[in-house]
Amino acid sequence: MKVFAMLGAINMALGVILGAFGAHALKARLSPEMLSVFQTGVQYHIYHALGLFMVAALLIPYPKASGLRTGGWILLAGIALFSGSLYLMALTGIRWFGPITPVGGACFIIGWIWIFWAVLKEL
């Protein structure tokens, strides 16, 4: 449980830092399109950091639901792949990072379904 609370906290901090960085330091340096790409990365980063906190909270009533941990790790992979690819694409202009984004999105979907299934098995 502590691991996912810590991962949620550090990812929330990173999301806020990157959001502020985008709003202040990148506003004058990126095109509106690339700034929007960066902000989408921040948005999903923060949503799924909250998801990591949710995993930590669900581990309290369901400590033996190992699928919750698996789902949490998949959400973390989604943050790295989805948001990370958008950050890199916006900052570098290299469109090659674009095809990585859907893989991260798939991780988000799979992670949430995995979490759903883990809780369902506990009912």
PDB file of N, CA and C in Angstrom:
ATOM      1  N   MET A   1       0.823  -1.184   0.000  1.00  0.00           N
ATOM      2  CA  MET A   1       0.000   0.000   0.000  1.00  0.00           C
ATOM      3  C   MET A   1       0.871   1.253   0.000  1.00  0.00           C
ATOM      4  N   LYS A   2       1.910   1.254   0.823  1.00  0.00           N
ATOM      5  CA  LYS A   2       2.766   2.434   0.940  1.00  0.00           C
ATOM      6  C   LYS A   2       3.427   2.780  -0.385  1.00  0.00           C
ATOM      7  N   VAL A   3       3.799   1.752  -1.135  1.00  0.00           N
ATOM      8  CA  VAL A   3       4.476   1.992  -2.416  1.00  0.00           C
ATOM      9  C   VAL A   3       3.583   2.801  -3.345  1.00  0.00           C
ATOM     10  N   PHE A   4       2.303   2.443  -3.427  1.00  0.00           N
ATOM     11  CA  PHE A   4       1.410   3.146  -4.346  1.00  0.00           C
ATOM     12  C   PHE A   4       1.041   4.533  -3.833  1.00  0.00           C
ATOM     13  N   ALA A   5       0.986   4.699  -2.522  1.00  0.00           N
ATOM     14  CA  ALA A   5       0.780   6.044  -1.976  1.00  0.00           C
ATOM     15  C   ALA A   5       1.981   6.926  -2.309  1.00  0.00           C
ATOM     16  N   MET A   6       3.177   6.374  -2.177  1.00  0.00           N
ATOM     17  CA  MET A   6       4.390   7.137  -2.501  1.00  0.00           C
ATOM     18  C   MET A   6       4.468   7.430  -3.998  1.00  0.00           C
ATOM     19  N   LEU A   7       4.135   6.428  -4.832  1.00  0.00           N
ATOM     20  CA  LEU A   7       4.142   6.643  -6.277  1.00  0.00           C
ATOM     21  C   LEU A   7       3.099   7.686  -6.674  1.00  0.00           C
ATOM     22  N   GLY A   8       1.927   7.633  -6.046  1.00  0.00           N
ATOM     23  CA  GLY A   8       0.906   8.637  -6.313  1.00  0.00           C
ATOM     24  C   GLY A   8       1.387  10.029  -5.946  1.00  0.00           C
ATOM     25  N   ALA A   9       2.022  10.146  -4.780  1.00  0.00           N
ATOM     26  CA  ALA A   9       2.491  11.454  -4.316  1.00  0.00           C
ATOM     27  C   ALA A   9       3.575  12.017  -5.228  1.00  0.00           C
ATOM     28  N   ILE A  10       4.561  11.211  -5.578  1.00  0.00           N
ATOM     29  CA  ILE A  10       5.655  11.723  -6.417  1.00  0.00           C
ATOM     30  C   ILE A  10       5.145  12.046  -7.813  1.00  0.00           C
ATOM     31  N   ASN A  11       4.203  11.257  -8.311  1.00  0.00           N
ATOM     32  CA  ASN A  11       3.654  11.550  -9.640  1.00  0.00           C
ATOM     33  C   ASN A  11       2.752  12.771  -9.626  1.00  0.00           C
ATOM     34  N   MET A  12       2.044  13.015  -8.530  1.00  0.00           N
ATOM     35  CA  MET A  12       1.272  14.257  -8.422  1.00  0.00           C
ATOM     36  C   MET A  12       2.218  15.452  -8.407  1.00  0.00           C
ATOM     37  N   ALA A  13       3.292  15.345  -7.632  1.00  0.00           N
ATOM     38  CA  ALA A  13       4.265  16.439  -7.585  1.00  0.00           C
ATOM     39  C   ALA A  13       4.849  16.693  -8.972  1.00  0.00           C
ATOM     40  N   LEU A  14       5.241  15.620  -9.661  1.00  0.00           N
ATOM     41  CA  LEU A  14       5.791  15.775 -11.012  1.00  0.00           C
ATOM     42  C   LEU A  14       4.768  16.384 -11.960  1.00  0.00           C
ATOM     43  N   GLY A  15       3.521  15.947 -11.853  1.00  0.00           N
ATOM     44  CA  GLY A  15       2.471  16.501 -12.703  1.00  0.00           C
ATOM     45  C   GLY A  15       2.281  17.993 -12.479  1.00  0.00           C
ATOM     46  N   VAL A  16       2.298  18.415 -11.223  1.00  0.00           N
ATOM     47  CA  VAL A  16       2.147  19.841 -10.914  1.00  0.00           C
ATOM     48  C   VAL A  16       3.364  20.622 -11.409  1.00  0.00           C
ATOM     49  N   ILE A  17       4.550  20.081 -11.168  1.00  0.00           N
ATOM     50  CA  ILE A  17       5.776  20.744 -11.635  1.00  0.00           C
ATOM     51  C   ILE A  17       5.757  20.890 -13.150  1.00  0.00           C
ATOM     52  N   LEU A  18       5.430  19.808 -13.845  1.00  0.00           N
ATOM     53  CA  LEU A  18       5.413  19.859 -15.306  1.00  0.00           C
ATOM     54  C   LEU A  18       4.301  20.760 -15.828  1.00  0.00           C
ATOM     55  N   GLY A  19       3.155  20.776 -15.150  1.00  0.00           N
ATOM     56  CA  GLY A  19       2.074  21.671 -15.545  1.00  0.00           C
ATOM     57  C   GLY A  19       2.486  23.131 -15.415  1.00  0.00           C
ATOM     58  N   ALA A  20       3.138  23.460 -14.303  1.00  0.00           N
ATOM     59  CA  ALA A  20       3.615  24.835 -14.104  1.00  0.00           C
ATOM     60  C   ALA A  20       4.702  25.177 -15.106  1.00  0.00           C
ATOM     61  N   PHE A  21       5.592  24.227 -15.360  1.00  0.00           N
ATOM     62  CA  PHE A  21       6.659  24.419 -16.346  1.00  0.00           C
ATOM     63  C   PHE A  21       6.064  24.717 -17.717  1.00  0.00           C
ATOM     64  N   GLY A  22       5.043  23.943 -18.089  1.00  0.00           N
ATOM     65  CA  GLY A  22       4.396  24.160 -19.375  1.00  0.00           C
ATOM     66  C   GLY A  22       3.699  25.504 -19.454  1.00  0.00           C
ATOM     67  N   ALA A  23       3.013  25.861 -18.375  1.00  0.00           N
ATOM     68  CA  ALA A  23       2.243  27.111 -18.381  1.00  0.00           C
ATOM     69  C   ALA A  23       3.132  28.349 -18.358  1.00  0.00           C
ATOM     70  N   HIS A  24       4.292  28.244 -17.733  1.00  0.00           N
ATOM     71  CA  HIS A  24       5.136  29.428 -17.564  1.00  0.00           C
ATOM     72  C   HIS A  24       6.360  29.429 -18.476  1.00  0.00           C
ATOM     73  N   ALA A  25       7.136  28.362 -18.449  1.00  0.00           N
ATOM     74  CA  ALA A  25       8.393  28.355 -19.201  1.00  0.00           C
ATOM     75  C   ALA A  25       8.215  27.994 -20.671  1.00  0.00           C
ATOM     76  N   LEU A  26       7.217  27.179 -20.962  1.00  0.00           N
ATOM     77  CA  LEU A  26       7.081  26.711 -22.345  1.00  0.00           C
ATOM     78  C   LEU A  26       6.104  27.529 -23.179  1.00  0.00           C
ATOM     79  N   LYS A  27       5.290  28.321 -22.529  1.00  0.00           N
ATOM     80  CA  LYS A  27       4.248  29.070 -23.243  1.00  0.00           C
ATOM     81  C   LYS A  27       4.816  29.900 -24.392  1.00  0.00           C
ATOM     82  N   ALA A  28       5.943  30.523 -24.167  1.00  0.00           N
ATOM     83  CA  ALA A  28       6.546  31.370 -25.199  1.00  0.00           C
ATOM     84  C   ALA A  28       7.442  30.576 -26.151  1.00  0.00           C
ATOM     85  N   ARG A  29       7.748  29.339 -25.824  1.00  0.00           N
ATOM     86  CA  ARG A  29       8.706  28.553 -26.617  1.00  0.00           C
ATOM     87  C   ARG A  29       8.077  27.508 -27.530  1.00  0.00           C
ATOM     88  N   LEU A  30       6.866  27.089 -27.190  1.00  0.00           N
ATOM     89  CA  LEU A  30       6.214  26.045 -27.985  1.00  0.00           C
ATOM     90  C   LEU A  30       5.067  26.636 -28.783  1.00  0.00           C
ATOM     91  N   SER A  31       4.791  26.006 -29.904  1.00  0.00           N
ATOM     92  CA  SER A  31       3.610  26.399 -30.675  1.00  0.00           C
ATOM     93  C   SER A  31       2.376  26.060 -29.841  1.00  0.00           C
ATOM     94  N   PRO A  32       1.259  26.711 -30.114  1.00  0.00           N
ATOM     95  CA  PRO A  32       0.032  26.363 -29.377  1.00  0.00           C
ATOM     96  C   PRO A  32      -0.317  24.878 -29.478  1.00  0.00           C
ATOM     97  N   GLU A  33      -0.064  24.278 -30.653  1.00  0.00           N
ATOM     98  CA  GLU A  33      -0.350  22.851 -30.831  1.00  0.00           C
ATOM     99  C   GLU A  33       0.521  22.004 -29.916  1.00  0.00           C
ATOM    100  N   MET A  34       1.817  22.292 -29.867  1.00  0.00           N
ATOM    101  CA  MET A  34       2.719  21.496 -29.031  1.00  0.00           C
ATOM    102  C   MET A  34       2.501  21.771 -27.544  1.00  0.00           C
ATOM    103  N   LEU A  35       2.107  22.980 -27.199  1.00  0.00           N
ATOM    104  CA  LEU A  35       1.780  23.278 -25.807  1.00  0.00           C
ATOM    105  C   LEU A  35       0.545  22.482 -25.390  1.00  0.00           C
ATOM    106  N   SER A  36      -0.411  22.349 -26.287  1.00  0.00           N
ATOM    107  CA  SER A  36      -1.603  21.545 -26.017  1.00  0.00           C
ATOM    108  C   SER A  36      -1.234  20.076 -25.834  1.00  0.00           C
ATOM    109  N   VAL A  37      -0.321  19.590 -26.644  1.00  0.00           N
ATOM    110  CA  VAL A  37       0.159  18.205 -26.515  1.00  0.00           C
ATOM    111  C   VAL A  37       0.784  18.014 -25.134  1.00  0.00           C
ATOM    112  N   PHE A  38       1.631  18.951 -24.737  1.00  0.00           N
ATOM    113  CA  PHE A  38       2.294  18.883 -23.438  1.00  0.00           C
ATOM    114  C   PHE A  38       1.249  18.884 -22.318  1.00  0.00           C
ATOM    115  N   GLN A  39       0.265  19.768 -22.414  1.00  0.00           N
ATOM    116  CA  GLN A  39      -0.767  19.878 -21.384  1.00  0.00           C
ATOM    117  C   GLN A  39      -1.626  18.614 -21.307  1.00  0.00           C
ATOM    118  N   THR A  40      -1.851  17.957 -22.442  1.00  0.00           N
ATOM    119  CA  THR A  40      -2.574  16.685 -22.424  1.00  0.00           C
ATOM    120  C   THR A  40      -1.779  15.652 -21.633  1.00  0.00           C
ATOM    121  N   GLY A  41      -0.469  15.641 -21.818  1.00  0.00           N
ATOM    122  CA  GLY A  41       0.386  14.755 -21.028  1.00  0.00           C
ATOM    123  C   GLY A  41       0.249  15.025 -19.545  1.00  0.00           C
ATOM    124  N   VAL A  42       0.248  16.298 -19.175  1.00  0.00           N
ATOM    125  CA  VAL A  42       0.105  16.679 -17.763  1.00  0.00           C
ATOM    126  C   VAL A  42      -1.250  16.231 -17.225  1.00  0.00           C
ATOM    127  N   GLN A  43      -2.296  16.465 -17.997  1.00  0.00           N
ATOM    128  CA  GLN A  43      -3.653  16.125 -17.571  1.00  0.00           C
ATOM    129  C   GLN A  43      -3.769  14.630 -17.247  1.00  0.00           C
ATOM    130  N   TYR A  44      -3.322  13.791 -18.159  1.00  0.00           N
ATOM    131  CA  TYR A  44      -3.410  12.350 -17.941  1.00  0.00           C
ATOM    132  C   TYR A  44      -2.433  11.879 -16.872  1.00  0.00           C
ATOM    133  N   HIS A  45      -1.302  12.551 -16.745  1.00  0.00           N
ATOM    134  CA  HIS A  45      -0.337  12.247 -15.691  1.00  0.00           C
ATOM    135  C   HIS A  45      -1.016  12.417 -14.333  1.00  0.00           C
ATOM    136  N   ILE A  46      -1.679  13.549 -14.141  1.00  0.00           N
ATOM    137  CA  ILE A  46      -2.324  13.824 -12.855  1.00  0.00           C
ATOM    138  C   ILE A  46      -3.509  12.880 -12.611  1.00  0.00           C
ATOM    139  N   TYR A  47      -4.325  12.639 -13.631  1.00  0.00           N
ATOM    140  CA  TYR A  47      -5.448  11.709 -13.448  1.00  0.00           C
ATOM    141  C   TYR A  47      -4.957  10.361 -12.932  1.00  0.00           C
ATOM    142  N   HIS A  48      -3.897   9.875 -13.538  1.00  0.00           N
ATOM    143  CA  HIS A  48      -3.444   8.528 -13.200  1.00  0.00           C
ATOM    144  C   HIS A  48      -2.571   8.496 -11.959  1.00  0.00           C
ATOM    145  N   ALA A  49      -1.991   9.630 -11.579  1.00  0.00           N
ATOM    146  CA  ALA A  49      -1.349   9.719 -10.266  1.00  0.00           C
ATOM    147  C   ALA A  49      -2.427   9.559  -9.184  1.00  0.00           C
ATOM    148  N   LEU A  50      -3.581  10.170  -9.405  1.00  0.00           N
ATOM    149  CA  LEU A  50      -4.703   9.971  -8.482  1.00  0.00           C
ATOM    150  C   LEU A  50      -5.131   8.501  -8.468  1.00  0.00           C
ATOM    151  N   GLY A  51      -5.047   7.861  -9.623  1.00  0.00           N
ATOM    152  CA  GLY A  51      -5.355   6.434  -9.702  1.00  0.00           C
ATOM    153  C   GLY A  51      -4.410   5.604  -8.842  1.00  0.00           C
ATOM    154  N   LEU A  52      -3.151   6.009  -8.776  1.00  0.00           N
ATOM    155  CA  LEU A  52      -2.191   5.296  -7.923  1.00  0.00           C
ATOM    156  C   LEU A  52      -2.575   5.441  -6.453  1.00  0.00           C
ATOM    157  N   PHE A  53      -3.057   6.632  -6.067  1.00  0.00           N
ATOM    158  CA  PHE A  53      -3.570   6.807  -4.705  1.00  0.00           C
ATOM    159  C   PHE A  53      -4.787   5.911  -4.467  1.00  0.00           C
ATOM    160  N   MET A  54      -5.630   5.783  -5.492  1.00  0.00           N
ATOM    161  CA  MET A  54      -6.804   4.937  -5.360  1.00  0.00           C
ATOM    162  C   MET A  54      -6.394   3.487  -5.126  1.00  0.00           C
ATOM    163  N   VAL A  55      -5.367   3.043  -5.844  1.00  0.00           N
ATOM    164  CA  VAL A  55      -4.870   1.681  -5.637  1.00  0.00           C
ATOM    165  C   VAL A  55      -4.413   1.516  -4.183  1.00  0.00           C
ATOM    166  N   ALA A  56      -3.667   2.495  -3.687  1.00  0.00           N
ATOM    167  CA  ALA A  56      -3.216   2.434  -2.289  1.00  0.00           C
ATOM    168  C   ALA A  56      -4.412   2.346  -1.346  1.00  0.00           C
ATOM    169  N   ALA A  57      -5.440   3.146  -1.595  1.00  0.00           N
ATOM    170  CA  ALA A  57      -6.626   3.136  -0.734  1.00  0.00           C
ATOM    171  C   ALA A  57      -7.373   1.810  -0.826  1.00  0.00           C
ATOM    172  N   LEU A  58      -7.468   1.232  -2.021  1.00  0.00           N
ATOM    173  CA  LEU A  58      -8.164  -0.050  -2.183  1.00  0.00           C
ATOM    174  C   LEU A  58      -7.414  -1.207  -1.532  1.00  0.00           C
ATOM    175  N   LEU A  59      -6.115  -1.053  -1.377  1.00  0.00           N
ATOM    176  CA  LEU A  59      -5.343  -2.112  -0.728  1.00  0.00           C
ATOM    177  C   LEU A  59      -5.631  -2.199   0.774  1.00  0.00           C
ATOM    178  N   ILE A  60      -6.274  -1.180   1.337  1.00  0.00           N
ATOM    179  CA  ILE A  60      -6.635  -1.239   2.761  1.00  0.00           C
ATOM    180  C   ILE A  60      -7.741  -2.283   2.981  1.00  0.00           C
ATOM    181  N   PRO A  61      -8.883  -2.182   2.280  1.00  0.00           N
ATOM    182  CA  PRO A  61      -9.900  -3.215   2.497  1.00  0.00           C
ATOM    183  C   PRO A  61      -9.608  -4.532   1.762  1.00  0.00           C
ATOM    184  N   TYR A  62      -8.747  -4.485   0.750  1.00  0.00           N
ATOM    185  CA  TYR A  62      -8.459  -5.683  -0.049  1.00  0.00           C
ATOM    186  C   TYR A  62      -6.950  -5.955  -0.102  1.00  0.00           C
ATOM    187  N   PRO A  63      -6.321  -6.220   1.038  1.00  0.00           N
ATOM    188  CA  PRO A  63      -4.860  -6.361   1.055  1.00  0.00           C
ATOM    189  C   PRO A  63      -4.330  -7.571   0.287  1.00  0.00           C
ATOM    190  N   LYS A  64      -5.177  -8.571   0.096  1.00  0.00           N
ATOM    191  CA  LYS A  64      -4.723  -9.789  -0.595  1.00  0.00           C
ATOM    192  C   LYS A  64      -5.026  -9.767  -2.092  1.00  0.00           C
ATOM    193  N   ALA A  65      -5.598  -8.677  -2.576  1.00  0.00           N
ATOM    194  CA  ALA A  65      -5.940  -8.564  -4.003  1.00  0.00           C
ATOM    195  C   ALA A  65      -4.696  -8.157  -4.782  1.00  0.00           C
ATOM    196  N   SER A  66      -3.900  -9.156  -5.157  1.00  0.00           N
ATOM    197  CA  SER A  66      -2.642  -8.856  -5.856  1.00  0.00           C
ATOM    198  C   SER A  66      -2.881  -8.179  -7.193  1.00  0.00           C
ATOM    199  N   GLY A  67      -4.054  -8.382  -7.769  1.00  0.00           N
ATOM    200  CA  GLY A  67      -4.376  -7.728  -9.030  1.00  0.00           C
ATOM    201  C   GLY A  67      -4.399  -6.216  -8.913  1.00  0.00           C
ATOM    202  N   LEU A  68      -4.670  -5.713  -7.707  1.00  0.00           N
ATOM    203  CA  LEU A  68      -4.620  -4.262  -7.507  1.00  0.00           C
ATOM    204  C   LEU A  68      -3.207  -3.748  -7.739  1.00  0.00           C
ATOM    205  N   ARG A  69      -2.240  -4.463  -7.211  1.00  0.00           N
ATOM    206  CA  ARG A  69      -0.837  -4.063  -7.397  1.00  0.00           C
ATOM    207  C   ARG A  69      -0.460  -4.110  -8.872  1.00  0.00           C
ATOM    208  N   THR A  70      -0.863  -5.177  -9.533  1.00  0.00           N
ATOM    209  CA  THR A  70      -0.572  -5.308 -10.965  1.00  0.00           C
ATOM    210  C   THR A  70      -1.197  -4.151 -11.732  1.00  0.00           C
ATOM    211  N   GLY A  71      -2.458  -3.857 -11.439  1.00  0.00           N
ATOM    212  CA  GLY A  71      -3.129  -2.734 -12.092  1.00  0.00           C
ATOM    213  C   GLY A  71      -2.419  -1.420 -11.840  1.00  0.00           C
ATOM    214  N   GLY A  72      -1.943  -1.224 -10.609  1.00  0.00           N
ATOM    215  CA  GLY A  72      -1.197  -0.006 -10.283  1.00  0.00           C
ATOM    216  C   GLY A  72       0.086   0.121 -11.077  1.00  0.00           C
ATOM    217  N   TRP A  73       0.809  -0.986 -11.203  1.00  0.00           N
ATOM    218  CA  TRP A  73       2.052  -0.951 -11.988  1.00  0.00           C
ATOM    219  C   TRP A  73       1.766  -0.663 -13.458  1.00  0.00           C
ATOM    220  N   ILE A  74       0.642  -1.193 -13.947  1.00  0.00           N
ATOM    221  CA  ILE A  74       0.268  -0.931 -15.346  1.00  0.00           C
ATOM    222  C   ILE A  74      -0.096   0.550 -15.518  1.00  0.00           C
ATOM    223  N   LEU A  75      -0.785   1.143 -14.534  1.00  0.00           N
ATOM    224  CA  LEU A  75      -1.072   2.583 -14.603  1.00  0.00           C
ATOM    225  C   LEU A  75       0.227   3.387 -14.620  1.00  0.00           C
ATOM    226  N   LEU A  76       1.193   2.986 -13.801  1.00  0.00           N
ATOM    227  CA  LEU A  76       2.479   3.689 -13.777  1.00  0.00           C
ATOM    228  C   LEU A  76       3.171   3.595 -15.137  1.00  0.00           C
ATOM    229  N   ALA A  77       3.120   2.423 -15.755  1.00  0.00           N
ATOM    230  CA  ALA A  77       3.681   2.276 -17.103  1.00  0.00           C
ATOM    231  C   ALA A  77       2.964   3.183 -18.080  1.00  0.00           C
ATOM    232  N   GLY A  78       1.652   3.310 -17.917  1.00  0.00           N
ATOM    233  CA  GLY A  78       0.881   4.204 -18.776  1.00  0.00           C
ATOM    234  C   GLY A  78       1.315   5.649 -18.631  1.00  0.00           C
ATOM    235  N   ILE A  79       1.576   6.071 -17.398  1.00  0.00           N
ATOM    236  CA  ILE A  79       2.055   7.440 -17.185  1.00  0.00           C
ATOM    237  C   ILE A  79       3.362   7.651 -17.938  1.00  0.00           C
ATOM    238  N   ALA A  80       4.283   6.709 -17.768  1.00  0.00           N
ATOM    239  CA  ALA A  80       5.589   6.843 -18.414  1.00  0.00           C
ATOM    240  C   ALA A  80       5.458   6.863 -19.938  1.00  0.00           C
ATOM    241  N   LEU A  81       4.654   5.957 -20.478  1.00  0.00           N
ATOM    242  CA  LEU A  81       4.551   5.838 -21.938  1.00  0.00           C
ATOM    243  C   LEU A  81       3.665   6.909 -22.556  1.00  0.00           C
ATOM    244  N   PHE A  82       2.473   7.112 -22.001  1.00  0.00           N
ATOM    245  CA  PHE A  82       1.541   8.079 -22.579  1.00  0.00           C
ATOM    246  C   PHE A  82       2.043   9.504 -22.348  1.00  0.00           C
ATOM    247  N   SER A  83       2.126   9.883 -21.079  1.00  0.00           N
ATOM    248  CA  SER A  83       2.532  11.258 -20.780  1.00  0.00           C
ATOM    249  C   SER A  83       3.972  11.505 -21.195  1.00  0.00           C
ATOM    250  N   GLY A  84       4.840  10.543 -20.926  1.00  0.00           N
ATOM    251  CA  GLY A  84       6.248  10.711 -21.292  1.00  0.00           C
ATOM    252  C   GLY A  84       6.445  10.936 -22.773  1.00  0.00           C
ATOM    253  N   SER A  85       5.719  10.180 -23.605  1.00  0.00           N
ATOM    254  CA  SER A  85       5.868  10.361 -25.055  1.00  0.00           C
ATOM    255  C   SER A  85       5.347  11.723 -25.495  1.00  0.00           C
ATOM    256  N   LEU A  86       4.265  12.192 -24.863  1.00  0.00           N
ATOM    257  CA  LEU A  86       3.741  13.517 -25.220  1.00  0.00           C
ATOM    258  C   LEU A  86       4.702  14.618 -24.782  1.00  0.00           C
ATOM    259  N   TYR A  87       5.297  14.473 -23.596  1.00  0.00           N
ATOM    260  CA  TYR A  87       6.279  15.464 -23.148  1.00  0.00           C
ATOM    261  C   TYR A  87       7.452  15.514 -24.115  1.00  0.00           C
ATOM    262  N   LEU A  88       7.967  14.348 -24.481  1.00  0.00           N
ATOM    263  CA  LEU A  88       9.125  14.300 -25.386  1.00  0.00           C
ATOM    264  C   LEU A  88       8.783  14.851 -26.762  1.00  0.00           C
ATOM    265  N   MET A  89       7.608  14.507 -27.270  1.00  0.00           N
ATOM    266  CA  MET A  89       7.215  15.002 -28.587  1.00  0.00           C
ATOM    267  C   MET A  89       7.077  16.522 -28.566  1.00  0.00           C
ATOM    268  N   ALA A  90       6.450  17.062 -27.512  1.00  0.00           N
ATOM    269  CA  ALA A  90       6.270  18.511 -27.431  1.00  0.00           C
ATOM    270  C   ALA A  90       7.604  19.233 -27.280  1.00  0.00           C
ATOM    271  N   LEU A  91       8.482  18.685 -26.466  1.00  0.00           N
ATOM    272  CA  LEU A  91       9.757  19.357 -26.180  1.00  0.00           C
ATOM    273  C   LEU A  91      10.780  19.238 -27.305  1.00  0.00           C
ATOM    274  N   THR A  92      10.755  18.106 -28.013  1.00  0.00           N
ATOM    275  CA  THR A  92      11.765  17.887 -29.052  1.00  0.00           C
ATOM    276  C   THR A  92      11.236  18.140 -30.457  1.00  0.00           C
ATOM    277  N   GLY A  93       9.923  18.072 -30.635  1.00  0.00           N
ATOM    278  CA  GLY A  93       9.348  18.190 -31.973  1.00  0.00           C
ATOM    279  C   GLY A  93       9.482  16.914 -32.791  1.00  0.00           C
ATOM    280  N   ILE A  94      10.031  15.876 -32.190  1.00  0.00           N
ATOM    281  CA  ILE A  94      10.212  14.601 -32.894  1.00  0.00           C
ATOM    282  C   ILE A  94       8.894  13.832 -32.868  1.00  0.00           C
ATOM    283  N   ARG A  95       8.289  13.689 -34.010  1.00  0.00           N
ATOM    284  CA  ARG A  95       6.977  13.034 -34.120  1.00  0.00           C
ATOM    285  C   ARG A  95       7.071  11.519 -33.927  1.00  0.00           C
ATOM    286  N   TRP A  96       8.279  10.981 -33.940  1.00  0.00           N
ATOM    287  CA  TRP A  96       8.469   9.552 -33.747  1.00  0.00           C
ATOM    288  C   TRP A  96       7.923   9.095 -32.400  1.00  0.00           C
ATOM    289  N   PHE A  97       7.886   9.993 -31.420  1.00  0.00           N
ATOM    290  CA  PHE A  97       7.367   9.635 -30.101  1.00  0.00           C
ATOM    291  C   PHE A  97       5.851   9.428 -30.125  1.00  0.00           C
ATOM    292  N   GLY A  98       5.179   9.972 -31.124  1.00  0.00           N
ATOM    293  CA  GLY A  98       3.727   9.871 -31.231  1.00  0.00           C
ATOM    294  C   GLY A  98       3.179   8.458 -31.191  1.00  0.00           C
ATOM    295  N   PRO A  99       3.766   7.495 -31.919  1.00  0.00           N
ATOM    296  CA  PRO A  99       3.230   6.126 -31.891  1.00  0.00           C
ATOM    297  C   PRO A  99       3.349   5.435 -30.529  1.00  0.00           C
ATOM    298  N   ILE A 100       4.161   5.969 -29.623  1.00  0.00           N
ATOM    299  CA  ILE A 100       4.278   5.377 -28.292  1.00  0.00           C
ATOM    300  C   ILE A 100       3.049   5.733 -27.450  1.00  0.00           C
ATOM    301  N   THR A 101       2.455   6.878 -27.727  1.00  0.00           N
ATOM    302  CA  THR A 101       1.344   7.380 -26.921  1.00  0.00           C
ATOM    303  C   THR A 101       0.187   6.387 -26.825  1.00  0.00           C
ATOM    304  N   PRO A 102      -0.273   5.774 -27.925  1.00  0.00           N
ATOM    305  CA  PRO A 102      -1.380   4.819 -27.800  1.00  0.00           C
ATOM    306  C   PRO A 102      -1.033   3.591 -26.960  1.00  0.00           C
ATOM    307  N   VAL A 103       0.229   3.221 -26.922  1.00  0.00           N
ATOM    308  CA  VAL A 103       0.639   2.097 -26.071  1.00  0.00           C
ATOM    309  C   VAL A 103       0.405   2.478 -24.606  1.00  0.00           C
ATOM    310  N   GLY A 104       0.762   3.714 -24.258  1.00  0.00           N
ATOM    311  CA  GLY A 104       0.488   4.200 -22.911  1.00  0.00           C
ATOM    312  C   GLY A 104      -1.000   4.279 -22.625  1.00  0.00           C
ATOM    313  N   GLY A 105      -1.772   4.719 -23.612  1.00  0.00           N
ATOM    314  CA  GLY A 105      -3.223   4.758 -23.456  1.00  0.00           C
ATOM    315  C   GLY A 105      -3.801   3.372 -23.233  1.00  0.00           C
ATOM    316  N   ALA A 106      -3.267   2.390 -23.956  1.00  0.00           N
ATOM    317  CA  ALA A 106      -3.704   1.005 -23.751  1.00  0.00           C
ATOM    318  C   ALA A 106      -3.356   0.544 -22.337  1.00  0.00           C
ATOM    319  N   CYS A 107      -2.206   0.959 -21.829  1.00  0.00           N
ATOM    320  CA  CYS A 107      -1.837   0.629 -20.441  1.00  0.00           C
ATOM    321  C   CYS A 107      -2.854   1.216 -19.464  1.00  0.00           C
ATOM    322  N   PHE A 108      -3.283   2.439 -19.711  1.00  0.00           N
ATOM    323  CA  PHE A 108      -4.293   3.038 -18.831  1.00  0.00           C
ATOM    324  C   PHE A 108      -5.570   2.192 -18.837  1.00  0.00           C
ATOM    325  N   ILE A 109      -6.044   1.847 -20.007  1.00  0.00           N
ATOM    326  CA  ILE A 109      -7.278   1.070 -20.121  1.00  0.00           C
ATOM    327  C   ILE A 109      -7.119  -0.290 -19.456  1.00  0.00           C
ATOM    328  N   ILE A 110      -6.029  -0.975 -19.770  1.00  0.00           N
ATOM    329  CA  ILE A 110      -5.781  -2.303 -19.198  1.00  0.00           C
ATOM    330  C   ILE A 110      -5.631  -2.210 -17.678  1.00  0.00           C
ATOM    331  N   GLY A 111      -4.919  -1.189 -17.221  1.00  0.00           N
ATOM    332  CA  GLY A 111      -4.735  -1.009 -15.776  1.00  0.00           C
ATOM    333  C   GLY A 111      -6.057  -0.842 -15.049  1.00  0.00           C
ATOM    334  N   TRP A 112      -6.935  -0.005 -15.593  1.00  0.00           N
ATOM    335  CA  TRP A 112      -8.234   0.216 -14.941  1.00  0.00           C
ATOM    336  C   TRP A 112      -9.087  -1.044 -14.977  1.00  0.00           C
ATOM    337  N   ILE A 113      -9.062  -1.775 -16.075  1.00  0.00           N
ATOM    338  CA  ILE A 113      -9.830  -3.027 -16.150  1.00  0.00           C
ATOM    339  C   ILE A 113      -9.247  -4.049 -15.172  1.00  0.00           C
ATOM    340  N   TRP A 114      -7.928  -4.082 -15.063  1.00  0.00           N
ATOM    341  CA  TRP A 114      -7.265  -5.002 -14.133  1.00  0.00           C
ATOM    342  C   TRP A 114      -7.695  -4.688 -12.699  1.00  0.00           C
ATOM    343  N   ILE A 115      -7.740  -3.410 -12.366  1.00  0.00           N
ATOM    344  CA  ILE A 115      -8.163  -2.984 -11.023  1.00  0.00           C
ATOM    345  C   ILE A 115      -9.626  -3.379 -10.787  1.00  0.00           C
ATOM    346  N   PHE A 116     -10.471  -3.131 -11.778  1.00  0.00           N
ATOM    347  CA  PHE A 116     -11.875  -3.527 -11.683  1.00  0.00           C
ATOM    348  C   PHE A 116     -11.978  -5.022 -11.401  1.00  0.00           C
ATOM    349  N   TRP A 117     -11.257  -5.816 -12.174  1.00  0.00           N
ATOM    350  CA  TRP A 117     -11.318  -7.272 -12.039  1.00  0.00           C
ATOM    351  C   TRP A 117     -10.801  -7.719 -10.670  1.00  0.00           C
ATOM    352  N   ALA A 118      -9.726  -7.087 -10.192  1.00  0.00           N
ATOM    353  CA  ALA A 118      -9.174  -7.446  -8.893  1.00  0.00           C
ATOM    354  C   ALA A 118     -10.181  -7.196  -7.764  1.00  0.00           C
ATOM    355  N   VAL A 119     -10.902  -6.083  -7.831  1.00  0.00           N
ATOM    356  CA  VAL A 119     -11.898  -5.776  -6.803  1.00  0.00           C
ATOM    357  C   VAL A 119     -13.107  -6.714  -6.963  1.00  0.00           C
ATOM    358  N   LEU A 120     -13.523  -6.951  -8.193  1.00  0.00           N
ATOM    359  CA  LEU A 120     -14.657  -7.836  -8.442  1.00  0.00           C
ATOM    360  C   LEU A 120     -14.410  -9.230  -7.860  1.00  0.00           C
ATOM    361  N   LYS A 121     -13.200  -9.731  -8.013  1.00  0.00           N
ATOM    362  CA  LYS A 121     -12.864 -11.064  -7.470  1.00  0.00           C
ATOM    363  C   LYS A 121     -12.933 -11.095  -5.951  1.00  0.00           C
ATOM    364  N   GLU A 122     -12.795  -9.952  -5.322  1.00  0.00           N
ATOM    365  CA  GLU A 122     -12.814  -9.881  -3.856  1.00  0.00           C
ATOM    366  C   GLU A 122     -14.228  -9.782  -3.289  1.00  0.00           C
ATOM    367  N   LEU A 123     -15.210  -9.499  -4.135  1.00  0.00           N
ATOM    368  CA  LEU A 123     -16.588  -9.338  -3.640  1.00  0.00           C
ATOM    369  C   LEU A 123     -17.252 -10.657  -3.380  1.00  0.00           C
TER     370      LEU A 123
END
